[in-house]
């Protein structure tokens, strides 16, 4: 498959309806990403472990949101 065909499939999948459970997971993922970003951007000095955990939380939230957005109810895609 060409890159254009693959990109069109991904875009169509992202635009397709998302099941309710995955909408909730997407919202949780966005919240985790926001909390992680807030920890990373804190204007005060935080211990290294806290900033490390903040980075992991931000990445996990982003991945969770992206995976939940690409889940569809249509099995043919």
C-alpha atoms as a PDB file:
ATOM      1  CA  UNK A   1       0.000   0.000   0.000  1.00  0.00           C
ATOM      2  CA  UNK A   2       1.140   3.509  -0.649  1.00  0.00           C
ATOM      3  CA  UNK A   3       1.574   6.111   2.049  1.00  0.00           C
ATOM      4  CA  UNK A   4      -1.441   8.071   0.800  1.00  0.00           C
ATOM      5  CA  UNK A   5      -3.753   5.068   1.108  1.00  0.00           C
ATOM      6  CA  UNK A   6      -2.532   4.335   4.619  1.00  0.00           C
ATOM      7  CA  UNK A   7      -2.926   7.976   5.692  1.00  0.00           C
ATOM      8  CA  UNK A   8      -6.461   8.104   4.266  1.00  0.00           C
ATOM      9  CA  UNK A   9      -7.381   4.972   6.220  1.00  0.00           C
ATOM     10  CA  UNK A  10      -6.000   6.454   9.438  1.00  0.00           C
ATOM     11  CA  UNK A  11      -7.831   9.744   8.892  1.00  0.00           C
ATOM     12  CA  UNK A  12     -11.103   7.962   8.110  1.00  0.00           C
ATOM     13  CA  UNK A  13     -10.676   5.811  11.190  1.00  0.00           C
ATOM     14  CA  UNK A  14     -10.061   8.878  13.372  1.00  0.00           C
ATOM     15  CA  UNK A  15     -13.216  10.520  12.010  1.00  0.00           C
ATOM     16  CA  UNK A  16     -15.382   7.417  12.566  1.00  0.00           C
ATOM     17  CA  UNK A  17     -17.686   7.169  15.606  1.00  0.00           C
ATOM     18  CA  UNK A  18     -15.979   6.100  18.832  1.00  0.00           C
ATOM     19  CA  UNK A  19     -17.671   3.727  21.331  1.00  0.00           C
ATOM     20  CA  UNK A  20     -18.705   5.270  24.655  1.00  0.00           C
ATOM     21  CA  UNK A  21     -16.152   3.324  26.731  1.00  0.00           C
ATOM     22  CA  UNK A  22     -13.303   4.606  24.579  1.00  0.00           C
ATOM     23  CA  UNK A  23     -14.630   8.164  24.775  1.00  0.00           C
ATOM     24  CA  UNK A  24     -14.290   7.886  28.552  1.00  0.00           C
ATOM     25  CA  UNK A  25     -10.776   6.455  28.183  1.00  0.00           C
ATOM     26  CA  UNK A  26      -9.884   9.286  25.802  1.00  0.00           C
ATOM     27  CA  UNK A  27     -11.020  11.836  28.383  1.00  0.00           C
ATOM     28  CA  UNK A  28      -9.023  10.098  31.119  1.00  0.00           C
ATOM     29  CA  UNK A  29      -5.989  10.069  28.828  1.00  0.00           C
ATOM     30  CA  UNK A  30      -6.321  13.782  28.145  1.00  0.00           C
ATOM     31  CA  UNK A  31      -6.570  14.459  31.870  1.00  0.00           C
ATOM     32  CA  UNK A  32      -3.453  12.368  32.545  1.00  0.00           C
ATOM     33  CA  UNK A  33      -1.570  14.198  29.810  1.00  0.00           C
ATOM     34  CA  UNK A  34      -2.618  17.534  31.311  1.00  0.00           C
ATOM     35  CA  UNK A  35      -1.520  16.516  34.806  1.00  0.00           C
ATOM     36  CA  UNK A  36       1.802  15.235  33.496  1.00  0.00           C
ATOM     37  CA  UNK A  37       2.351  18.421  31.513  1.00  0.00           C
ATOM     38  CA  UNK A  38       1.529  20.526  34.542  1.00  0.00           C
ATOM     39  CA  UNK A  39       4.036  18.626  36.663  1.00  0.00           C
ATOM     40  CA  UNK A  40       6.708  19.035  34.000  1.00  0.00           C
ATOM     41  CA  UNK A  41       6.029  22.756  33.613  1.00  0.00           C
ATOM     42  CA  UNK A  42       5.830  23.509  37.335  1.00  0.00           C
ATOM     43  CA  UNK A  43       7.532  26.835  38.128  1.00  0.00           C
ATOM     44  CA  UNK A  44       9.076  25.403  41.299  1.00  0.00           C
ATOM     45  CA  UNK A  45      11.907  22.933  41.657  1.00  0.00           C
ATOM     46  CA  UNK A  46      10.541  19.433  42.136  1.00  0.00           C
ATOM     47  CA  UNK A  47      12.470  16.280  43.020  1.00  0.00           C
ATOM     48  CA  UNK A  48      13.791  14.340  40.044  1.00  0.00           C
ATOM     49  CA  UNK A  49      11.501  11.374  40.711  1.00  0.00           C
ATOM     50  CA  UNK A  50       8.427  13.618  40.546  1.00  0.00           C
ATOM     51  CA  UNK A  51       9.421  15.098  37.194  1.00  0.00           C
ATOM     52  CA  UNK A  52      10.263  11.633  35.870  1.00  0.00           C
ATOM     53  CA  UNK A  53       6.846  10.340  36.906  1.00  0.00           C
ATOM     54  CA  UNK A  54       5.259  13.447  35.372  1.00  0.00           C
ATOM     55  CA  UNK A  55       6.912  12.650  32.058  1.00  0.00           C
ATOM     56  CA  UNK A  56       5.696   9.072  32.132  1.00  0.00           C
ATOM     57  CA  UNK A  57       2.159  10.171  33.025  1.00  0.00           C
ATOM     58  CA  UNK A  58       2.121  12.674  30.162  1.00  0.00           C
ATOM     59  CA  UNK A  59       3.287  10.067  27.642  1.00  0.00           C
ATOM     60  CA  UNK A  60       0.847   7.445  28.937  1.00  0.00           C
ATOM     61  CA  UNK A  61      -2.018   9.936  28.705  1.00  0.00           C
ATOM     62  CA  UNK A  62      -1.109  10.853  25.150  1.00  0.00           C
ATOM     63  CA  UNK A  63      -0.885   7.230  24.044  1.00  0.00           C
ATOM     64  CA  UNK A  64      -4.161   6.362  25.772  1.00  0.00           C
ATOM     65  CA  UNK A  65      -5.938   9.274  24.099  1.00  0.00           C
ATOM     66  CA  UNK A  66      -4.557   8.468  20.657  1.00  0.00           C
ATOM     67  CA  UNK A  67      -5.380   4.765  20.878  1.00  0.00           C
ATOM     68  CA  UNK A  68      -8.882   5.505  22.149  1.00  0.00           C
ATOM     69  CA  UNK A  69      -9.536   7.979  19.347  1.00  0.00           C
ATOM     70  CA  UNK A  70      -8.642   5.433  16.667  1.00  0.00           C
ATOM     71  CA  UNK A  71     -11.002   2.761  18.048  1.00  0.00           C
ATOM     72  CA  UNK A  72     -14.177   2.439  15.993  1.00  0.00           C
ATOM     73  CA  UNK A  73     -17.416   0.480  16.100  1.00  0.00           C
ATOM     74  CA  UNK A  74     -17.032  -0.542  12.456  1.00  0.00           C
ATOM     75  CA  UNK A  75     -15.108  -3.825  12.178  1.00  0.00           C
ATOM     76  CA  UNK A  76     -14.492  -3.503   8.441  1.00  0.00           C
ATOM     77  CA  UNK A  77     -11.831  -0.824   8.946  1.00  0.00           C
END
